[in-house]
């Protein structure tokens, strides 16, 4: 499985932003940790996943089915998906 370090040009980022740049990488098992550090992080990821599901149209879903999660910016959106 590819990690962030496999696709992120870390050296180029450090060249651009300096050595004070801090990059943190988490796996799927650290979803709770990510949620604690950035409460809207899991919501944003889940929102992107939902948008892809709707736009790809491979599964018939009502795009408004999860509207209440979006309106509330509910961090448990990923669980609903």
PDB file of N, CA and C in Angstrom:
ATOM      1  N   UNK A   1       0.847  -1.182   0.000  1.00  0.00           N
ATOM      2  CA  UNK A   1       0.000   0.000   0.000  1.00  0.00           C
ATOM      3  C   UNK A   1       0.890   1.242   0.000  1.00  0.00           C
ATOM      4  N   UNK A   2       0.576   2.170  -0.871  1.00  0.00           N
ATOM      5  CA  UNK A   2       1.336   3.414  -0.957  1.00  0.00           C
ATOM      6  C   UNK A   2       0.989   4.324   0.214  1.00  0.00           C
ATOM      7  N   UNK A   3       1.982   4.958   0.737  1.00  0.00           N
ATOM      8  CA  UNK A   3       1.784   5.931   1.798  1.00  0.00           C
ATOM      9  C   UNK A   3       1.962   7.336   1.262  1.00  0.00           C
ATOM     10  N   UNK A   4       1.666   8.303   2.103  1.00  0.00           N
ATOM     11  CA  UNK A   4       1.802   9.698   1.708  1.00  0.00           C
ATOM     12  C   UNK A   4       3.219   9.998   1.225  1.00  0.00           C
ATOM     13  N   UNK A   5       4.204   9.405   1.880  1.00  0.00           N
ATOM     14  CA  UNK A   5       5.599   9.660   1.507  1.00  0.00           C
ATOM     15  C   UNK A   5       5.923   9.147   0.104  1.00  0.00           C
ATOM     16  N   UNK A   6       5.101   8.226  -0.419  1.00  0.00           N
ATOM     17  CA  UNK A   6       5.324   7.704  -1.768  1.00  0.00           C
ATOM     18  C   UNK A   6       4.838   8.661  -2.851  1.00  0.00           C
ATOM     19  N   UNK A   7       3.895   9.537  -2.522  1.00  0.00           N
ATOM     20  CA  UNK A   7       3.325  10.418  -3.539  1.00  0.00           C
ATOM     21  C   UNK A   7       3.587  11.901  -3.272  1.00  0.00           C
ATOM     22  N   UNK A   8       3.998  12.237  -2.068  1.00  0.00           N
ATOM     23  CA  UNK A   8       4.232  13.630  -1.704  1.00  0.00           C
ATOM     24  C   UNK A   8       5.699  13.994  -1.940  1.00  0.00           C
ATOM     25  N   UNK A   9       5.967  15.028  -2.693  1.00  0.00           N
ATOM     26  CA  UNK A   9       7.360  15.430  -2.942  1.00  0.00           C
ATOM     27  C   UNK A   9       7.944  16.145  -1.727  1.00  0.00           C
ATOM     28  N   UNK A  10       8.204  15.389  -0.675  1.00  0.00           N
ATOM     29  CA  UNK A  10       8.644  15.953   0.602  1.00  0.00           C
ATOM     30  C   UNK A  10       9.864  16.862   0.440  1.00  0.00           C
ATOM     31  N   UNK A  11      10.870  16.422  -0.325  1.00  0.00           N
ATOM     32  CA  UNK A  11      12.077  17.232  -0.505  1.00  0.00           C
ATOM     33  C   UNK A  11      11.758  18.570  -1.157  1.00  0.00           C
ATOM     34  N   UNK A  12      10.846  18.550  -2.131  1.00  0.00           N
ATOM     35  CA  UNK A  12      10.472  19.795  -2.802  1.00  0.00           C
ATOM     36  C   UNK A  12       9.720  20.728  -1.857  1.00  0.00           C
ATOM     37  N   UNK A  13       8.881  20.169  -1.011  1.00  0.00           N
ATOM     38  CA  UNK A  13       8.152  20.986  -0.039  1.00  0.00           C
ATOM     39  C   UNK A  13       9.100  21.626   0.962  1.00  0.00           C
ATOM     40  N   UNK A  14      10.068  20.855   1.423  1.00  0.00           N
ATOM     41  CA  UNK A  14      11.046  21.395   2.379  1.00  0.00           C
ATOM     42  C   UNK A  14      11.877  22.483   1.711  1.00  0.00           C
ATOM     43  N   UNK A  15      12.251  22.272   0.440  1.00  0.00           N
ATOM     44  CA  UNK A  15      12.991  23.315  -0.289  1.00  0.00           C
ATOM     45  C   UNK A  15      12.170  24.600  -0.378  1.00  0.00           C
ATOM     46  N   UNK A  16      10.870  24.461  -0.581  1.00  0.00           N
ATOM     47  CA  UNK A  16      10.014  25.638  -0.762  1.00  0.00           C
ATOM     48  C   UNK A  16       9.646  26.316   0.554  1.00  0.00           C
ATOM     49  N   UNK A  17       9.339  25.499   1.585  1.00  0.00           N
ATOM     50  CA  UNK A  17       8.824  26.063   2.840  1.00  0.00           C
ATOM     51  C   UNK A  17       9.840  26.059   3.983  1.00  0.00           C
ATOM     52  N   UNK A  18      10.973  25.429   3.802  1.00  0.00           N
ATOM     53  CA  UNK A  18      12.007  25.425   4.828  1.00  0.00           C
ATOM     54  C   UNK A  18      11.952  24.194   5.713  1.00  0.00           C
ATOM     55  N   UNK A  19      12.975  24.074   6.521  1.00  0.00           N
ATOM     56  CA  UNK A  19      13.114  22.891   7.369  1.00  0.00           C
ATOM     57  C   UNK A  19      12.178  22.901   8.575  1.00  0.00           C
ATOM     58  N   UNK A  20      11.476  24.004   8.810  1.00  0.00           N
ATOM     59  CA  UNK A  20      10.518  24.047   9.908  1.00  0.00           C
ATOM     60  C   UNK A  20       9.199  23.366   9.549  1.00  0.00           C
ATOM     61  N   UNK A  21       9.054  22.970   8.282  1.00  0.00           N
ATOM     62  CA  UNK A  21       7.851  22.295   7.833  1.00  0.00           C
ATOM     63  C   UNK A  21       7.701  20.959   8.559  1.00  0.00           C
ATOM     64  N   UNK A  22       6.514  20.722   9.097  1.00  0.00           N
ATOM     65  CA  UNK A  22       6.244  19.475   9.799  1.00  0.00           C
ATOM     66  C   UNK A  22       5.175  18.713   9.030  1.00  0.00           C
ATOM     67  N   UNK A  23       5.507  17.502   8.618  1.00  0.00           N
ATOM     68  CA  UNK A  23       4.563  16.638   7.919  1.00  0.00           C
ATOM     69  C   UNK A  23       4.247  15.453   8.812  1.00  0.00           C
ATOM     70  N   UNK A  24       2.965  15.167   8.963  1.00  0.00           N
ATOM     71  CA  UNK A  24       2.538  14.025   9.758  1.00  0.00           C
ATOM     72  C   UNK A  24       1.749  13.093   8.862  1.00  0.00           C
ATOM     73  N   UNK A  25       2.034  11.809   8.950  1.00  0.00           N
ATOM     74  CA  UNK A  25       1.349  10.814   8.129  1.00  0.00           C
ATOM     75  C   UNK A  25       0.629   9.830   9.044  1.00  0.00           C
ATOM     76  N   UNK A  26      -0.636   9.563   8.729  1.00  0.00           N
ATOM     77  CA  UNK A  26      -1.445   8.639   9.512  1.00  0.00           C
ATOM     78  C   UNK A  26      -2.072   7.609   8.585  1.00  0.00           C
ATOM     79  N   UNK A  27      -2.266   6.418   9.084  1.00  0.00           N
ATOM     80  CA  UNK A  27      -2.954   5.378   8.327  1.00  0.00           C
ATOM     81  C   UNK A  27      -4.436   5.372   8.645  1.00  0.00           C
ATOM     82  N   UNK A  28      -5.166   4.468   7.983  1.00  0.00           N
ATOM     83  CA  UNK A  28      -6.611   4.377   8.203  1.00  0.00           C
ATOM     84  C   UNK A  28      -6.945   4.065   9.654  1.00  0.00           C
ATOM     85  N   UNK A  29      -6.089   3.327  10.324  1.00  0.00           N
ATOM     86  CA  UNK A  29      -6.363   2.955  11.711  1.00  0.00           C
ATOM     87  C   UNK A  29      -6.289   4.145  12.666  1.00  0.00           C
ATOM     88  N   UNK A  30      -5.765   5.263  12.202  1.00  0.00           N
ATOM     89  CA  UNK A  30      -5.606   6.448  13.047  1.00  0.00           C
ATOM     90  C   UNK A  30      -6.705   7.475  12.815  1.00  0.00           C
ATOM     91  N   UNK A  31      -7.845   7.054  12.278  1.00  0.00           N
ATOM     92  CA  UNK A  31      -8.915   7.996  11.976  1.00  0.00           C
ATOM     93  C   UNK A  31      -9.353   8.773  13.219  1.00  0.00           C
ATOM     94  N   UNK A  32      -9.427   8.118  14.350  1.00  0.00           N
ATOM     95  CA  UNK A  32      -9.824   8.802  15.591  1.00  0.00           C
ATOM     96  C   UNK A  32      -8.781   9.867  15.966  1.00  0.00           C
ATOM     97  N   UNK A  33      -7.517   9.556  15.805  1.00  0.00           N
ATOM     98  CA  UNK A  33      -6.451  10.518  16.102  1.00  0.00           C
ATOM     99  C   UNK A  33      -6.573  11.735  15.203  1.00  0.00           C
ATOM    100  N   UNK A  34      -6.821  11.497  13.911  1.00  0.00           N
ATOM    101  CA  UNK A  34      -6.983  12.604  12.968  1.00  0.00           C
ATOM    102  C   UNK A  34      -8.176  13.451  13.385  1.00  0.00           C
ATOM    103  N   UNK A  35      -9.267  12.802  13.759  1.00  0.00           N
ATOM    104  CA  UNK A  35     -10.470  13.513  14.185  1.00  0.00           C
ATOM    105  C   UNK A  35     -10.242  14.370  15.412  1.00  0.00           C
ATOM    106  N   UNK A  36      -9.424  13.877  16.325  1.00  0.00           N
ATOM    107  CA  UNK A  36      -9.132  14.645  17.535  1.00  0.00           C
ATOM    108  C   UNK A  36      -8.254  15.857  17.227  1.00  0.00           C
ATOM    109  N   UNK A  37      -7.322  15.703  16.289  1.00  0.00           N
ATOM    110  CA  UNK A  37      -6.420  16.803  15.948  1.00  0.00           C
ATOM    111  C   UNK A  37      -7.107  17.828  15.047  1.00  0.00           C
ATOM    112  N   UNK A  38      -7.892  17.351  14.114  1.00  0.00           N
ATOM    113  CA  UNK A  38      -8.570  18.203  13.131  1.00  0.00           C
ATOM    114  C   UNK A  38     -10.008  17.718  13.001  1.00  0.00           C
ATOM    115  N   UNK A  39     -10.914  18.226  13.814  1.00  0.00           N
ATOM    116  CA  UNK A  39     -12.286  17.705  13.829  1.00  0.00           C
ATOM    117  C   UNK A  39     -12.973  17.687  12.463  1.00  0.00           C
ATOM    118  N   UNK A  40     -12.665  18.625  11.587  1.00  0.00           N
ATOM    119  CA  UNK A  40     -13.307  18.617  10.273  1.00  0.00           C
ATOM    120  C   UNK A  40     -12.533  17.788   9.249  1.00  0.00           C
ATOM    121  N   UNK A  41     -11.390  17.235   9.627  1.00  0.00           N
ATOM    122  CA  UNK A  41     -10.594  16.422   8.707  1.00  0.00           C
ATOM    123  C   UNK A  41     -11.350  15.211   8.195  1.00  0.00           C
ATOM    124  N   UNK A  42     -11.838  14.340   9.083  1.00  0.00           N
ATOM    125  CA  UNK A  42     -12.593  13.178   8.616  1.00  0.00           C
ATOM    126  C   UNK A  42     -13.861  13.589   7.856  1.00  0.00           C
ATOM    127  N   UNK A  43     -14.484  14.675   8.267  1.00  0.00           N
ATOM    128  CA  UNK A  43     -15.676  15.151   7.563  1.00  0.00           C
ATOM    129  C   UNK A  43     -15.319  15.522   6.124  1.00  0.00           C
ATOM    130  N   UNK A  44     -14.233  16.260   5.944  1.00  0.00           N
ATOM    131  CA  UNK A  44     -13.817  16.666   4.605  1.00  0.00           C
ATOM    132  C   UNK A  44     -13.488  15.480   3.720  1.00  0.00           C
ATOM    133  N   UNK A  45     -12.793  14.498   4.290  1.00  0.00           N
ATOM    134  CA  UNK A  45     -12.481  13.293   3.522  1.00  0.00           C
ATOM    135  C   UNK A  45     -13.753  12.559   3.128  1.00  0.00           C
ATOM    136  N   UNK A  46     -14.658  12.406   4.080  1.00  0.00           N
ATOM    137  CA  UNK A  46     -15.909  11.704   3.803  1.00  0.00           C
ATOM    138  C   UNK A  46     -16.753  12.462   2.787  1.00  0.00           C
ATOM    139  N   UNK A  47     -16.763  13.782   2.867  1.00  0.00           N
ATOM    140  CA  UNK A  47     -17.521  14.585   1.909  1.00  0.00           C
ATOM    141  C   UNK A  47     -16.991  14.377   0.496  1.00  0.00           C
ATOM    142  N   UNK A  48     -15.678  14.304   0.360  1.00  0.00           N
ATOM    143  CA  UNK A  48     -15.093  14.034  -0.951  1.00  0.00           C
ATOM    144  C   UNK A  48     -15.474  12.650  -1.455  1.00  0.00           C
ATOM    145  N   UNK A  49     -15.458  11.673  -0.575  1.00  0.00           N
ATOM    146  CA  UNK A  49     -15.852  10.312  -0.961  1.00  0.00           C
ATOM    147  C   UNK A  49     -17.303  10.303  -1.419  1.00  0.00           C
ATOM    148  N   UNK A  50     -18.185  10.957  -0.667  1.00  0.00           N
ATOM    149  CA  UNK A  50     -19.603  10.999  -1.036  1.00  0.00           C
ATOM    150  C   UNK A  50     -19.787  11.674  -2.402  1.00  0.00           C
ATOM    151  N   UNK A  51     -19.089  12.763  -2.624  1.00  0.00           N
ATOM    152  CA  UNK A  51     -19.185  13.450  -3.913  1.00  0.00           C
ATOM    153  C   UNK A  51     -18.753  12.546  -5.059  1.00  0.00           C
ATOM    154  N   UNK A  52     -17.716  11.772  -4.850  1.00  0.00           N
ATOM    155  CA  UNK A  52     -17.258  10.842  -5.887  1.00  0.00           C
ATOM    156  C   UNK A  52     -18.306   9.767  -6.138  1.00  0.00           C
ATOM    157  N   UNK A  53     -18.895   9.244  -5.062  1.00  0.00           N
ATOM    158  CA  UNK A  53     -19.943   8.229  -5.203  1.00  0.00           C
ATOM    159  C   UNK A  53     -21.089   8.778  -6.035  1.00  0.00           C
ATOM    160  N   UNK A  54     -21.515   9.977  -5.716  1.00  0.00           N
ATOM    161  CA  UNK A  54     -22.639  10.589  -6.434  1.00  0.00           C
ATOM    162  C   UNK A  54     -22.266  10.868  -7.889  1.00  0.00           C
ATOM    163  N   UNK A  55     -21.100  11.448  -8.117  1.00  0.00           N
ATOM    164  CA  UNK A  55     -20.712  11.844  -9.468  1.00  0.00           C
ATOM    165  C   UNK A  55     -20.413  10.660 -10.385  1.00  0.00           C
ATOM    166  N   UNK A  56     -19.825   9.605  -9.856  1.00  0.00           N
ATOM    167  CA  UNK A  56     -19.503   8.438 -10.675  1.00  0.00           C
ATOM    168  C   UNK A  56     -20.768   7.707 -11.115  1.00  0.00           C
ATOM    169  N   UNK A  57     -21.803   7.728 -10.295  1.00  0.00           N
ATOM    170  CA  UNK A  57     -23.074   7.121 -10.652  1.00  0.00           C
ATOM    171  C   UNK A  57     -23.059   5.607 -10.756  1.00  0.00           C
ATOM    172  N   UNK A  58     -22.076   4.955 -10.187  1.00  0.00           N
ATOM    173  CA  UNK A  58     -22.012   3.489 -10.250  1.00  0.00           C
ATOM    174  C   UNK A  58     -23.058   2.829  -9.358  1.00  0.00           C
ATOM    175  N   UNK A  59     -23.407   3.529  -8.294  1.00  0.00           N
ATOM    176  CA  UNK A  59     -24.439   3.031  -7.385  1.00  0.00           C
ATOM    177  C   UNK A  59     -25.556   4.060  -7.339  1.00  0.00           C
ATOM    178  N   UNK A  60     -26.797   3.614  -7.538  1.00  0.00           N
ATOM    179  CA  UNK A  60     -27.891   4.591  -7.502  1.00  0.00           C
ATOM    180  C   UNK A  60     -28.126   5.090  -6.076  1.00  0.00           C
ATOM    181  N   UNK A  61     -27.779   6.334  -5.828  1.00  0.00           N
ATOM    182  CA  UNK A  61     -27.984   6.950  -4.513  1.00  0.00           C
ATOM    183  C   UNK A  61     -28.690   8.285  -4.701  1.00  0.00           C
ATOM    184  N   UNK A  62     -29.414   8.687  -3.698  1.00  0.00           N
ATOM    185  CA  UNK A  62     -30.031  10.005  -3.685  1.00  0.00           C
ATOM    186  C   UNK A  62     -28.971  10.988  -3.186  1.00  0.00           C
ATOM    187  N   UNK A  63     -28.553  11.937  -4.006  1.00  0.00           N
ATOM    188  CA  UNK A  63     -27.502  12.872  -3.580  1.00  0.00           C
ATOM    189  C   UNK A  63     -27.842  13.619  -2.291  1.00  0.00           C
ATOM    190  N   UNK A  64     -29.124  13.778  -1.993  1.00  0.00           N
ATOM    191  CA  UNK A  64     -29.548  14.505  -0.790  1.00  0.00           C
ATOM    192  C   UNK A  64     -29.705  13.602   0.427  1.00  0.00           C
ATOM    193  N   UNK A  65     -29.450  12.321   0.238  1.00  0.00           N
ATOM    194  CA  UNK A  65     -29.648  11.328   1.299  1.00  0.00           C
ATOM    195  C   UNK A  65     -28.916  11.673   2.596  1.00  0.00           C
ATOM    196  N   UNK A  66     -27.766  12.275   2.488  1.00  0.00           N
ATOM    197  CA  UNK A  66     -26.960  12.593   3.670  1.00  0.00           C
ATOM    198  C   UNK A  66     -26.898  14.099   3.937  1.00  0.00           C
ATOM    199  N   UNK A  67     -27.856  14.832   3.405  1.00  0.00           N
ATOM    200  CA  UNK A  67     -27.848  16.297   3.513  1.00  0.00           C
ATOM    201  C   UNK A  67     -27.743  16.773   4.958  1.00  0.00           C
ATOM    202  N   UNK A  68     -28.434  16.105   5.876  1.00  0.00           N
ATOM    203  CA  UNK A  68     -28.393  16.571   7.269  1.00  0.00           C
ATOM    204  C   UNK A  68     -26.990  16.444   7.866  1.00  0.00           C
ATOM    205  N   UNK A  69     -26.204  15.469   7.409  1.00  0.00           N
ATOM    206  CA  UNK A  69     -24.821  15.356   7.881  1.00  0.00           C
ATOM    207  C   UNK A  69     -23.990  16.538   7.369  1.00  0.00           C
ATOM    208  N   UNK A  70     -24.229  16.912   6.102  1.00  0.00           N
ATOM    209  CA  UNK A  70     -23.491  18.033   5.514  1.00  0.00           C
ATOM    210  C   UNK A  70     -23.891  19.351   6.170  1.00  0.00           C
ATOM    211  N   UNK A  71     -25.174  19.536   6.410  1.00  0.00           N
ATOM    212  CA  UNK A  71     -25.649  20.786   7.023  1.00  0.00           C
ATOM    213  C   UNK A  71     -25.069  20.980   8.413  1.00  0.00           C
ATOM    214  N   UNK A  72     -24.897  19.882   9.128  1.00  0.00           N
ATOM    215  CA  UNK A  72     -24.371  19.955  10.494  1.00  0.00           C
ATOM    216  C   UNK A  72     -22.845  19.801  10.537  1.00  0.00           C
ATOM    217  N   UNK A  73     -22.217  19.594   9.357  1.00  0.00           N
ATOM    218  CA  UNK A  73     -20.782  19.289   9.302  1.00  0.00           C
ATOM    219  C   UNK A  73     -20.455  18.180  10.305  1.00  0.00           C
ATOM    220  N   UNK A  74     -21.298  17.163  10.318  1.00  0.00           N
ATOM    221  CA  UNK A  74     -21.194  16.053  11.266  1.00  0.00           C
ATOM    222  C   UNK A  74     -19.922  15.246  11.010  1.00  0.00           C
ATOM    223  N   UNK A  75     -19.036  15.152  12.004  1.00  0.00           N
ATOM    224  CA  UNK A  75     -17.791  14.406  11.812  1.00  0.00           C
ATOM    225  C   UNK A  75     -18.005  12.902  11.655  1.00  0.00           C
ATOM    226  N   UNK A  76     -19.236  12.440  11.859  1.00  0.00           N
ATOM    227  CA  UNK A  76     -19.533  11.017  11.690  1.00  0.00           C
ATOM    228  C   UNK A  76     -20.077  10.699  10.303  1.00  0.00           C
ATOM    229  N   UNK A  77     -19.920  11.616   9.378  1.00  0.00           N
ATOM    230  CA  UNK A  77     -20.380  11.390   8.005  1.00  0.00           C
ATOM    231  C   UNK A  77     -19.809  10.107   7.428  1.00  0.00           C
ATOM    232  N   UNK A  78     -18.549   9.834   7.707  1.00  0.00           N
ATOM    233  CA  UNK A  78     -17.918   8.621   7.174  1.00  0.00           C
ATOM    234  C   UNK A  78     -18.638   7.354   7.625  1.00  0.00           C
ATOM    235  N   UNK A  79     -19.196   7.369   8.813  1.00  0.00           N
ATOM    236  CA  UNK A  79     -19.930   6.206   9.305  1.00  0.00           C
ATOM    237  C   UNK A  79     -21.245   6.024   8.547  1.00  0.00           C
ATOM    238  N   UNK A  80     -21.877   7.121   8.173  1.00  0.00           N
ATOM    239  CA  UNK A  80     -23.129   7.057   7.428  1.00  0.00           C
ATOM    240  C   UNK A  80     -22.888   6.528   6.010  1.00  0.00           C
ATOM    241  N   UNK A  81     -21.767   6.918   5.437  1.00  0.00           N
ATOM    242  CA  UNK A  81     -21.456   6.455   4.079  1.00  0.00           C
ATOM    243  C   UNK A  81     -21.219   4.971   4.094  1.00  0.00           C
TER     244      UNK A  81
END
